[in-house]
Amino acid sequence: MPAYHSSFNEYPDMRLVGNLAILPVKTKFRGPAPTADPNEADIVDETLDLFRANSLFRNFEIKGPADRLLIILILFVSDCLAKIGSARTTPTQIEATKTLNTLAVDNFPIPGDANFALNAHYAPPPSRTDAEYLRGYLTQVRQELAARLVEKLYADGTGKPSKWWMSFQKRRFMNRSLGTQ
């Protein structure tokens, strides 16, 4: 059974930085990301929908630039779950929000950096300006993803993260990690 790919690979007028897609996002965070239609799913929704299914796969064939963004975001979700799971006590929703927002804005490697885990699959940004734009875009998308992940984790109202999501904290998509813990 093949892994699930991004439906945004065929998105019209997609901006690319290196070979990574810059897609519209429904967000309340400031940043350079284009704004998406609030009535339609965006790449963050797609990441949360496909995370659990795709995290079971060791191989992932990249079929387009949106798949490259999907891989980075799935690996970030995995790091978020590991961060919440490694806490000494089970964090409340507010504590998890603070922790994951801090993780989202921490300095992280982008494609082209020496310590980026997947440099073999990503082209570096062509210029320093594009690299700064990509870092800003990924920071904004990571913040939005962290906020929506916390909403999903604590959706049942018990004040504890969902065991159905936390069961994926040790699983590594493609046996990789972004190493942002």
N, C-alpha and C. Protein backbone atom coordinates (compact mmCIF):
# COMPACT_ATOMS: atom_id res chain seq x y z
N MET A 1 0.85 -1.18 0.00
CA MET A 1 0.00 0.00 0.00
C MET A 1 0.90 1.25 0.00
N PRO A 2 0.68 2.16 -0.91
CA PRO A 2 1.53 3.35 -0.98
C PRO A 2 1.13 4.39 0.07
N ALA A 3 2.05 5.27 0.38
CA ALA A 3 1.80 6.37 1.31
C ALA A 3 0.84 7.38 0.66
N TYR A 4 0.25 8.21 1.49
CA TYR A 4 -0.67 9.23 0.99
C TYR A 4 0.11 10.49 0.63
N HIS A 5 -0.16 11.03 -0.54
CA HIS A 5 0.55 12.20 -1.03
C HIS A 5 -0.32 13.44 -0.90
N SER A 6 0.32 14.58 -1.01
CA SER A 6 -0.38 15.86 -0.89
C SER A 6 -1.28 16.10 -2.09
N SER A 7 -2.46 16.59 -1.82
CA SER A 7 -3.38 16.97 -2.90
C SER A 7 -2.98 18.32 -3.49
N PHE A 8 -2.03 19.00 -2.88
CA PHE A 8 -1.60 20.32 -3.34
C PHE A 8 -0.47 20.25 -4.36
N ASN A 9 -0.06 19.04 -4.76
CA ASN A 9 0.99 18.92 -5.77
C ASN A 9 0.57 19.55 -7.10
N GLU A 10 -0.72 19.57 -7.36
CA GLU A 10 -1.24 20.14 -8.61
C GLU A 10 -1.78 21.55 -8.42
N TYR A 11 -1.43 22.19 -7.31
CA TYR A 11 -1.92 23.52 -7.00
C TYR A 11 -1.44 24.52 -8.05
N PRO A 12 -2.34 25.33 -8.61
CA PRO A 12 -1.92 26.29 -9.65
C PRO A 12 -1.17 27.48 -9.03
N ASP A 13 -0.25 28.03 -9.80
CA ASP A 13 0.50 29.23 -9.40
C ASP A 13 1.21 29.07 -8.07
N MET A 14 1.80 27.91 -7.84
CA MET A 14 2.51 27.64 -6.60
C MET A 14 3.89 28.28 -6.66
N ARG A 15 4.24 29.02 -5.62
CA ARG A 15 5.60 29.59 -5.56
C ARG A 15 6.53 28.50 -5.00
N LEU A 16 7.72 28.43 -5.55
CA LEU A 16 8.72 27.48 -5.08
C LEU A 16 9.94 28.24 -4.55
N VAL A 17 10.49 27.75 -3.45
CA VAL A 17 11.78 28.23 -2.95
C VAL A 17 12.65 26.99 -2.92
N GLY A 18 13.66 26.96 -3.76
CA GLY A 18 14.39 25.71 -3.99
C GLY A 18 13.43 24.79 -4.73
N ASN A 19 13.12 23.66 -4.15
CA ASN A 19 12.07 22.80 -4.71
C ASN A 19 10.99 22.52 -3.68
N LEU A 20 10.80 23.44 -2.75
CA LEU A 20 9.80 23.35 -1.69
C LEU A 20 8.64 24.29 -2.00
N ALA A 21 7.42 23.79 -1.90
CA ALA A 21 6.24 24.59 -2.21
C ALA A 21 5.95 25.60 -1.11
N ILE A 22 5.53 26.77 -1.51
CA ILE A 22 5.02 27.79 -0.59
C ILE A 22 3.52 27.85 -0.84
N LEU A 23 2.76 27.27 0.08
CA LEU A 23 1.31 27.15 -0.11
C LEU A 23 0.55 28.09 0.83
N PRO A 24 -0.66 28.49 0.44
CA PRO A 24 -1.48 29.33 1.31
C PRO A 24 -1.87 28.59 2.59
N VAL A 25 -1.99 29.35 3.68
CA VAL A 25 -2.32 28.77 4.99
C VAL A 25 -3.38 29.64 5.65
N LYS A 26 -4.34 28.98 6.30
CA LYS A 26 -5.31 29.70 7.13
C LYS A 26 -4.64 29.88 8.49
N THR A 27 -4.24 31.10 8.80
CA THR A 27 -3.47 31.30 10.01
C THR A 27 -3.82 32.60 10.70
N LYS A 28 -3.58 32.61 12.01
CA LYS A 28 -3.74 33.83 12.79
C LYS A 28 -2.39 34.39 13.20
N PHE A 29 -1.31 33.73 12.79
CA PHE A 29 0.04 34.16 13.10
C PHE A 29 0.59 35.05 11.98
N ARG A 30 1.40 36.03 12.36
CA ARG A 30 1.99 36.92 11.37
C ARG A 30 3.13 36.22 10.65
N GLY A 31 3.26 36.53 9.37
CA GLY A 31 4.35 35.96 8.60
C GLY A 31 4.11 36.12 7.12
N PRO A 32 5.03 35.58 6.32
CA PRO A 32 4.97 35.79 4.87
C PRO A 32 4.05 34.84 4.12
N ALA A 33 3.41 33.89 4.79
CA ALA A 33 2.60 32.90 4.09
C ALA A 33 1.40 33.56 3.42
N PRO A 34 1.09 33.12 2.18
CA PRO A 34 -0.14 33.61 1.54
C PRO A 34 -1.34 33.09 2.32
N THR A 35 -2.42 33.87 2.32
CA THR A 35 -3.61 33.45 3.08
C THR A 35 -4.48 32.55 2.22
N ALA A 36 -5.03 31.51 2.86
CA ALA A 36 -5.87 30.54 2.18
C ALA A 36 -7.34 30.87 2.40
N ASP A 37 -8.18 30.28 1.57
CA ASP A 37 -9.62 30.41 1.71
C ASP A 37 -10.02 29.72 3.02
N PRO A 38 -10.71 30.44 3.93
CA PRO A 38 -11.05 29.84 5.23
C PRO A 38 -12.03 28.66 5.13
N ASN A 39 -12.70 28.52 4.00
CA ASN A 39 -13.68 27.44 3.84
C ASN A 39 -13.08 26.18 3.24
N GLU A 40 -11.82 26.22 2.86
CA GLU A 40 -11.18 25.06 2.25
C GLU A 40 -10.02 24.57 3.10
N ALA A 41 -9.68 23.30 2.94
CA ALA A 41 -8.55 22.73 3.68
C ALA A 41 -7.24 23.30 3.16
N ASP A 42 -6.27 23.46 4.05
CA ASP A 42 -4.94 23.92 3.66
C ASP A 42 -3.92 22.83 3.97
N ILE A 43 -2.65 23.11 3.78
CA ILE A 43 -1.59 22.11 3.97
C ILE A 43 -1.50 21.68 5.43
N VAL A 44 -1.85 22.56 6.37
CA VAL A 44 -1.81 22.20 7.80
C VAL A 44 -2.91 21.17 8.10
N ASP A 45 -4.11 21.40 7.57
CA ASP A 45 -5.20 20.43 7.74
C ASP A 45 -4.80 19.08 7.14
N GLU A 46 -4.23 19.13 5.95
CA GLU A 46 -3.82 17.91 5.27
C GLU A 46 -2.74 17.17 6.06
N THR A 47 -1.81 17.90 6.65
CA THR A 47 -0.76 17.28 7.46
C THR A 47 -1.36 16.55 8.64
N LEU A 48 -2.29 17.20 9.34
CA LEU A 48 -2.91 16.56 10.50
C LEU A 48 -3.75 15.35 10.09
N ASP A 49 -4.40 15.43 8.93
CA ASP A 49 -5.21 14.30 8.45
C ASP A 49 -4.35 13.11 8.05
N LEU A 50 -3.20 13.38 7.43
CA LEU A 50 -2.36 12.30 6.89
C LEU A 50 -1.26 11.84 7.83
N PHE A 51 -1.06 12.53 8.94
CA PHE A 51 0.06 12.21 9.82
C PHE A 51 0.05 10.76 10.30
N ARG A 52 -1.06 10.34 10.89
CA ARG A 52 -1.08 9.00 11.50
C ARG A 52 -0.93 7.91 10.46
N ALA A 53 -1.54 8.07 9.30
CA ALA A 53 -1.41 7.05 8.26
C ALA A 53 -0.01 7.04 7.67
N ASN A 54 0.53 8.20 7.36
CA ASN A 54 1.85 8.26 6.73
C ASN A 54 2.99 7.92 7.69
N SER A 55 2.78 8.12 8.99
CA SER A 55 3.87 7.82 9.92
C SER A 55 4.15 6.32 10.01
N LEU A 56 3.29 5.51 9.45
CA LEU A 56 3.50 4.06 9.44
C LEU A 56 4.43 3.62 8.31
N PHE A 57 4.75 4.52 7.40
CA PHE A 57 5.56 4.16 6.23
C PHE A 57 7.03 4.50 6.44
N ARG A 58 7.91 3.62 5.95
CA ARG A 58 9.34 3.88 5.99
C ARG A 58 9.82 4.55 4.71
N ASN A 59 9.08 4.34 3.63
CA ASN A 59 9.45 4.91 2.33
C ASN A 59 8.36 5.88 1.88
N PHE A 60 8.78 6.92 1.20
CA PHE A 60 7.83 7.91 0.71
C PHE A 60 8.36 8.45 -0.61
N GLU A 61 7.63 8.18 -1.67
CA GLU A 61 8.03 8.67 -2.99
C GLU A 61 7.54 10.11 -3.14
N ILE A 62 8.45 11.02 -3.41
CA ILE A 62 8.09 12.43 -3.55
C ILE A 62 7.55 12.65 -4.95
N LYS A 63 6.29 13.09 -5.04
CA LYS A 63 5.65 13.28 -6.33
C LYS A 63 5.50 14.75 -6.72
N GLY A 64 5.94 15.64 -5.86
CA GLY A 64 5.84 17.06 -6.19
C GLY A 64 6.35 17.93 -5.06
N PRO A 65 6.39 19.23 -5.27
CA PRO A 65 6.92 20.14 -4.25
C PRO A 65 6.07 20.21 -2.98
N ALA A 66 4.76 19.97 -3.10
CA ALA A 66 3.92 19.99 -1.90
C ALA A 66 4.21 18.77 -1.02
N ASP A 67 4.64 17.66 -1.62
CA ASP A 67 5.04 16.49 -0.83
C ASP A 67 6.26 16.81 0.03
N ARG A 68 7.16 17.62 -0.49
CA ARG A 68 8.35 18.00 0.29
C ARG A 68 7.95 18.80 1.53
N LEU A 69 6.99 19.71 1.36
CA LEU A 69 6.49 20.48 2.51
C LEU A 69 5.76 19.54 3.47
N LEU A 70 4.97 18.63 2.94
CA LEU A 70 4.25 17.66 3.77
C LEU A 70 5.22 16.84 4.63
N ILE A 71 6.32 16.41 4.06
CA ILE A 71 7.31 15.63 4.81
C ILE A 71 7.86 16.44 5.99
N ILE A 72 8.24 17.69 5.73
CA ILE A 72 8.77 18.54 6.80
C ILE A 72 7.74 18.72 7.91
N LEU A 73 6.48 18.94 7.53
CA LEU A 73 5.44 19.17 8.53
C LEU A 73 5.11 17.89 9.31
N ILE A 74 5.10 16.74 8.64
CA ILE A 74 4.85 15.48 9.35
C ILE A 74 5.97 15.21 10.35
N LEU A 75 7.21 15.47 9.96
CA LEU A 75 8.32 15.29 10.89
C LEU A 75 8.24 16.26 12.06
N PHE A 76 7.74 17.47 11.80
CA PHE A 76 7.55 18.42 12.89
C PHE A 76 6.47 17.95 13.86
N VAL A 77 5.36 17.40 13.35
CA VAL A 77 4.31 16.87 14.23
C VAL A 77 4.88 15.75 15.09
N SER A 78 5.69 14.90 14.49
CA SER A 78 6.32 13.82 15.24
C SER A 78 7.20 14.37 16.37
N ASP A 79 7.96 15.41 16.09
CA ASP A 79 8.79 16.04 17.12
C ASP A 79 7.93 16.69 18.21
N CYS A 80 6.79 17.27 17.82
CA CYS A 80 5.87 17.87 18.80
C CYS A 80 5.33 16.81 19.76
N LEU A 81 4.90 15.68 19.21
CA LEU A 81 4.37 14.61 20.06
C LEU A 81 5.45 14.07 20.99
N ALA A 82 6.67 13.94 20.48
CA ALA A 82 7.78 13.47 21.31
C ALA A 82 8.06 14.47 22.43
N LYS A 83 7.97 15.76 22.13
CA LYS A 83 8.21 16.80 23.13
C LYS A 83 7.16 16.74 24.23
N ILE A 84 5.90 16.58 23.87
CA ILE A 84 4.83 16.49 24.87
C ILE A 84 4.98 15.19 25.67
N GLY A 85 5.31 14.10 24.99
CA GLY A 85 5.45 12.81 25.66
C GLY A 85 6.65 12.73 26.58
N SER A 86 7.66 13.57 26.35
CA SER A 86 8.86 13.51 27.18
C SER A 86 8.75 14.38 28.43
N ALA A 87 7.65 15.09 28.61
CA ALA A 87 7.48 15.93 29.80
C ALA A 87 7.36 15.04 31.04
N ARG A 88 7.85 15.54 32.16
CA ARG A 88 7.81 14.75 33.40
C ARG A 88 6.39 14.44 33.83
N THR A 89 5.53 15.42 33.75
CA THR A 89 4.12 15.21 34.06
C THR A 89 3.32 15.52 32.80
N THR A 90 2.13 14.97 32.73
CA THR A 90 1.29 15.21 31.56
C THR A 90 0.92 16.68 31.51
N PRO A 91 1.29 17.36 30.42
CA PRO A 91 1.02 18.81 30.36
C PRO A 91 -0.46 19.10 30.12
N THR A 92 -0.90 20.22 30.71
CA THR A 92 -2.25 20.68 30.42
C THR A 92 -2.26 21.28 29.03
N GLN A 93 -3.43 21.65 28.56
CA GLN A 93 -3.53 22.22 27.21
C GLN A 93 -2.75 23.53 27.12
N ILE A 94 -2.80 24.35 28.14
CA ILE A 94 -2.08 25.63 28.13
C ILE A 94 -0.57 25.39 28.13
N GLU A 95 -0.10 24.44 28.96
CA GLU A 95 1.33 24.13 29.00
C GLU A 95 1.80 23.57 27.66
N ALA A 96 0.98 22.70 27.06
CA ALA A 96 1.34 22.12 25.76
C ALA A 96 1.40 23.20 24.69
N THR A 97 0.47 24.14 24.72
CA THR A 97 0.48 25.24 23.75
C THR A 97 1.76 26.05 23.88
N LYS A 98 2.16 26.38 25.11
CA LYS A 98 3.39 27.15 25.32
C LYS A 98 4.61 26.37 24.84
N THR A 99 4.68 25.09 25.21
CA THR A 99 5.82 24.26 24.84
C THR A 99 5.96 24.14 23.34
N LEU A 100 4.85 23.85 22.65
CA LEU A 100 4.90 23.65 21.21
C LEU A 100 5.12 24.95 20.46
N ASN A 101 4.60 26.06 20.97
CA ASN A 101 4.85 27.34 20.32
C ASN A 101 6.33 27.70 20.43
N THR A 102 6.93 27.41 21.58
CA THR A 102 8.36 27.64 21.74
C THR A 102 9.15 26.77 20.77
N LEU A 103 8.75 25.51 20.64
CA LEU A 103 9.41 24.60 19.71
C LEU A 103 9.28 25.10 18.27
N ALA A 104 8.12 25.66 17.94
CA ALA A 104 7.87 26.13 16.57
C ALA A 104 8.75 27.32 16.20
N VAL A 105 9.02 28.20 17.15
CA VAL A 105 9.79 29.40 16.82
C VAL A 105 11.27 29.27 17.12
N ASP A 106 11.68 28.18 17.77
CA ASP A 106 13.11 27.94 18.01
C ASP A 106 13.85 27.90 16.69
N ASN A 107 15.13 28.21 16.74
CA ASN A 107 15.95 28.16 15.54
C ASN A 107 16.01 26.72 15.02
N PHE A 108 15.78 26.54 13.75
CA PHE A 108 15.76 25.21 13.15
C PHE A 108 16.44 25.27 11.79
N PRO A 109 17.02 24.14 11.36
CA PRO A 109 17.68 24.13 10.05
C PRO A 109 16.65 24.09 8.91
N ILE A 110 16.99 24.74 7.81
CA ILE A 110 16.14 24.71 6.61
C ILE A 110 16.93 24.00 5.51
N PRO A 111 16.27 23.61 4.42
CA PRO A 111 17.00 22.97 3.33
C PRO A 111 18.18 23.83 2.89
N GLY A 112 19.32 23.18 2.74
CA GLY A 112 20.54 23.88 2.36
C GLY A 112 21.47 24.09 3.54
N ASP A 113 20.94 24.09 4.78
CA ASP A 113 21.80 24.19 5.96
C ASP A 113 22.54 22.87 6.14
N ALA A 114 23.72 22.93 6.70
CA ALA A 114 24.55 21.73 6.86
C ALA A 114 23.90 20.68 7.75
N ASN A 115 23.14 21.10 8.77
CA ASN A 115 22.56 20.14 9.70
C ASN A 115 21.09 19.81 9.41
N PHE A 116 20.59 20.13 8.21
CA PHE A 116 19.24 19.75 7.82
C PHE A 116 19.24 18.26 7.48
N ALA A 117 18.32 17.51 8.07
CA ALA A 117 18.34 16.04 7.98
C ALA A 117 18.07 15.49 6.59
N LEU A 118 17.39 16.22 5.73
CA LEU A 118 16.96 15.68 4.44
C LEU A 118 17.55 16.44 3.25
N ASN A 119 18.77 16.94 3.38
CA ASN A 119 19.37 17.75 2.31
C ASN A 119 19.46 17.02 0.98
N ALA A 120 19.53 15.70 0.98
CA ALA A 120 19.64 14.94 -0.27
C ALA A 120 18.38 15.08 -1.13
N HIS A 121 17.24 15.39 -0.50
CA HIS A 121 15.96 15.44 -1.21
C HIS A 121 15.47 16.87 -1.48
N TYR A 122 16.19 17.85 -0.99
CA TYR A 122 15.74 19.23 -1.10
C TYR A 122 16.83 20.09 -1.73
N ALA A 123 16.41 20.98 -2.62
CA ALA A 123 17.34 21.95 -3.21
C ALA A 123 17.45 23.14 -2.25
N PRO A 124 18.62 23.69 -2.08
CA PRO A 124 18.75 24.86 -1.21
C PRO A 124 18.11 26.08 -1.86
N PRO A 125 17.68 27.05 -1.06
CA PRO A 125 17.15 28.29 -1.63
C PRO A 125 18.23 28.97 -2.47
N PRO A 126 17.85 29.55 -3.62
CA PRO A 126 18.84 30.13 -4.53
C PRO A 126 19.55 31.37 -3.99
N SER A 127 18.94 32.09 -3.06
CA SER A 127 19.56 33.32 -2.55
C SER A 127 19.32 33.44 -1.05
N ARG A 128 20.04 34.35 -0.44
CA ARG A 128 19.88 34.59 1.00
C ARG A 128 18.47 35.14 1.30
N THR A 129 17.97 35.97 0.41
CA THR A 129 16.62 36.53 0.58
C THR A 129 15.58 35.41 0.57
N ASP A 130 15.72 34.48 -0.38
CA ASP A 130 14.80 33.34 -0.43
C ASP A 130 14.93 32.46 0.81
N ALA A 131 16.14 32.31 1.33
CA ALA A 131 16.35 31.51 2.54
C ALA A 131 15.65 32.14 3.73
N GLU A 132 15.73 33.46 3.85
CA GLU A 132 15.04 34.15 4.95
C GLU A 132 13.53 34.07 4.79
N TYR A 133 13.05 34.19 3.54
CA TYR A 133 11.61 34.04 3.28
C TYR A 133 11.15 32.64 3.67
N LEU A 134 11.92 31.61 3.29
CA LEU A 134 11.57 30.23 3.61
C LEU A 134 11.56 30.00 5.12
N ARG A 135 12.54 30.53 5.83
CA ARG A 135 12.58 30.38 7.28
C ARG A 135 11.35 31.05 7.92
N GLY A 136 10.99 32.24 7.46
CA GLY A 136 9.80 32.92 7.98
C GLY A 136 8.53 32.15 7.68
N TYR A 137 8.43 31.63 6.45
CA TYR A 137 7.25 30.85 6.07
C TYR A 137 7.15 29.59 6.93
N LEU A 138 8.24 28.85 7.06
CA LEU A 138 8.20 27.61 7.85
C LEU A 138 7.92 27.89 9.32
N THR A 139 8.44 28.99 9.84
CA THR A 139 8.14 29.36 11.23
C THR A 139 6.65 29.62 11.41
N GLN A 140 6.06 30.37 10.48
CA GLN A 140 4.63 30.67 10.56
C GLN A 140 3.80 29.40 10.44
N VAL A 141 4.14 28.52 9.51
CA VAL A 141 3.38 27.28 9.32
C VAL A 141 3.56 26.37 10.53
N ARG A 142 4.75 26.31 11.10
CA ARG A 142 4.98 25.50 12.29
C ARG A 142 4.17 26.01 13.48
N GLN A 143 4.06 27.33 13.63
CA GLN A 143 3.25 27.89 14.71
C GLN A 143 1.79 27.50 14.54
N GLU A 144 1.28 27.63 13.33
CA GLU A 144 -0.12 27.28 13.06
C GLU A 144 -0.34 25.79 13.28
N LEU A 145 0.59 24.97 12.81
CA LEU A 145 0.48 23.52 12.97
C LEU A 145 0.49 23.14 14.44
N ALA A 146 1.36 23.75 15.23
CA ALA A 146 1.42 23.46 16.67
C ALA A 146 0.10 23.84 17.35
N ALA A 147 -0.46 24.99 16.98
CA ALA A 147 -1.72 25.43 17.59
C ALA A 147 -2.86 24.46 17.25
N ARG A 148 -2.95 24.05 15.99
CA ARG A 148 -4.02 23.13 15.58
C ARG A 148 -3.81 21.72 16.15
N LEU A 149 -2.54 21.33 16.31
CA LEU A 149 -2.25 20.02 16.90
C LEU A 149 -2.72 19.97 18.34
N VAL A 150 -2.48 21.03 19.09
CA VAL A 150 -2.93 21.08 20.49
C VAL A 150 -4.45 20.99 20.55
N GLU A 151 -5.14 21.67 19.63
CA GLU A 151 -6.60 21.59 19.60
C GLU A 151 -7.06 20.15 19.38
N LYS A 152 -6.39 19.43 18.49
CA LYS A 152 -6.75 18.03 18.23
C LYS A 152 -6.40 17.14 19.41
N LEU A 153 -5.23 17.37 20.01
CA LEU A 153 -4.78 16.53 21.12
C LEU A 153 -5.71 16.62 22.33
N TYR A 154 -6.22 17.79 22.58
CA TYR A 154 -7.04 18.03 23.77
C TYR A 154 -8.52 18.21 23.42
N ALA A 155 -8.96 17.68 22.30
CA ALA A 155 -10.34 17.88 21.83
C ALA A 155 -11.38 17.18 22.70
N ASP A 156 -10.98 16.12 23.42
CA ASP A 156 -11.97 15.35 24.18
C ASP A 156 -12.40 16.03 25.48
N GLY A 157 -11.72 17.08 25.91
CA GLY A 157 -12.14 17.84 27.08
C GLY A 157 -11.70 17.25 28.41
N THR A 158 -10.86 16.21 28.42
CA THR A 158 -10.41 15.60 29.67
C THR A 158 -9.23 16.33 30.28
N GLY A 159 -8.59 17.21 29.52
CA GLY A 159 -7.42 17.91 30.02
C GLY A 159 -6.14 17.13 29.82
N LYS A 160 -6.24 15.95 29.23
CA LYS A 160 -5.06 15.13 28.93
C LYS A 160 -5.00 14.93 27.42
N PRO A 161 -3.79 14.78 26.89
CA PRO A 161 -3.68 14.56 25.45
C PRO A 161 -4.29 13.21 25.04
N SER A 162 -4.83 13.16 23.86
CA SER A 162 -5.47 11.96 23.33
C SER A 162 -4.47 10.81 23.22
N LYS A 163 -4.84 9.67 23.78
CA LYS A 163 -3.93 8.52 23.70
C LYS A 163 -3.81 8.02 22.26
N TRP A 164 -4.80 8.31 21.44
CA TRP A 164 -4.76 7.87 20.04
C TRP A 164 -3.75 8.67 19.23
N TRP A 165 -3.48 9.88 19.66
CA TRP A 165 -2.43 10.68 19.01
C TRP A 165 -1.08 10.39 19.67
N MET A 166 -1.06 10.29 20.99
CA MET A 166 0.20 10.12 21.70
C MET A 166 0.83 8.76 21.43
N SER A 167 0.05 7.81 20.94
CA SER A 167 0.61 6.50 20.63
C SER A 167 1.60 6.57 19.46
N PHE A 168 1.60 7.68 18.74
CA PHE A 168 2.51 7.86 17.61
C PHE A 168 3.78 8.63 17.99
N GLN A 169 3.98 8.91 19.28
CA GLN A 169 5.11 9.75 19.68
C GLN A 169 6.46 9.08 19.44
N LYS A 170 6.53 7.76 19.49
CA LYS A 170 7.80 7.08 19.28
C LYS A 170 8.01 6.64 17.83
N ARG A 171 6.96 6.71 17.04
CA ARG A 171 7.05 6.29 15.64
C ARG A 171 7.69 7.39 14.81
N ARG A 172 8.60 7.01 13.95
CA ARG A 172 9.30 7.99 13.12
C ARG A 172 8.93 7.78 11.66
N PHE A 173 8.42 8.81 11.03
CA PHE A 173 8.11 8.79 9.61
C PHE A 173 9.41 8.67 8.84
N MET A 174 9.52 7.68 7.97
CA MET A 174 10.72 7.42 7.17
C MET A 174 11.95 7.18 8.06
N ASN A 175 11.71 6.81 9.33
CA ASN A 175 12.79 6.62 10.31
C ASN A 175 13.67 7.85 10.43
N ARG A 176 13.07 9.02 10.32
CA ARG A 176 13.80 10.29 10.39
C ARG A 176 13.21 11.18 11.47
N SER A 177 13.97 12.18 11.84
CA SER A 177 13.52 13.20 12.75
C SER A 177 14.17 14.51 12.31
N LEU A 178 13.48 15.61 12.55
CA LEU A 178 14.09 16.90 12.26
C LEU A 178 15.09 17.28 13.35
N GLY A 179 15.02 16.55 14.46
CA GLY A 179 15.98 16.80 15.53
C GLY A 179 15.77 18.11 16.24
N THR A 180 14.51 18.55 16.36
CA THR A 180 14.23 19.83 16.98
C THR A 180 13.91 19.70 18.46
N GLN A 181 14.05 18.51 19.02
CA GLN A 181 13.73 18.34 20.43
C GLN A 181 14.74 19.03 21.31
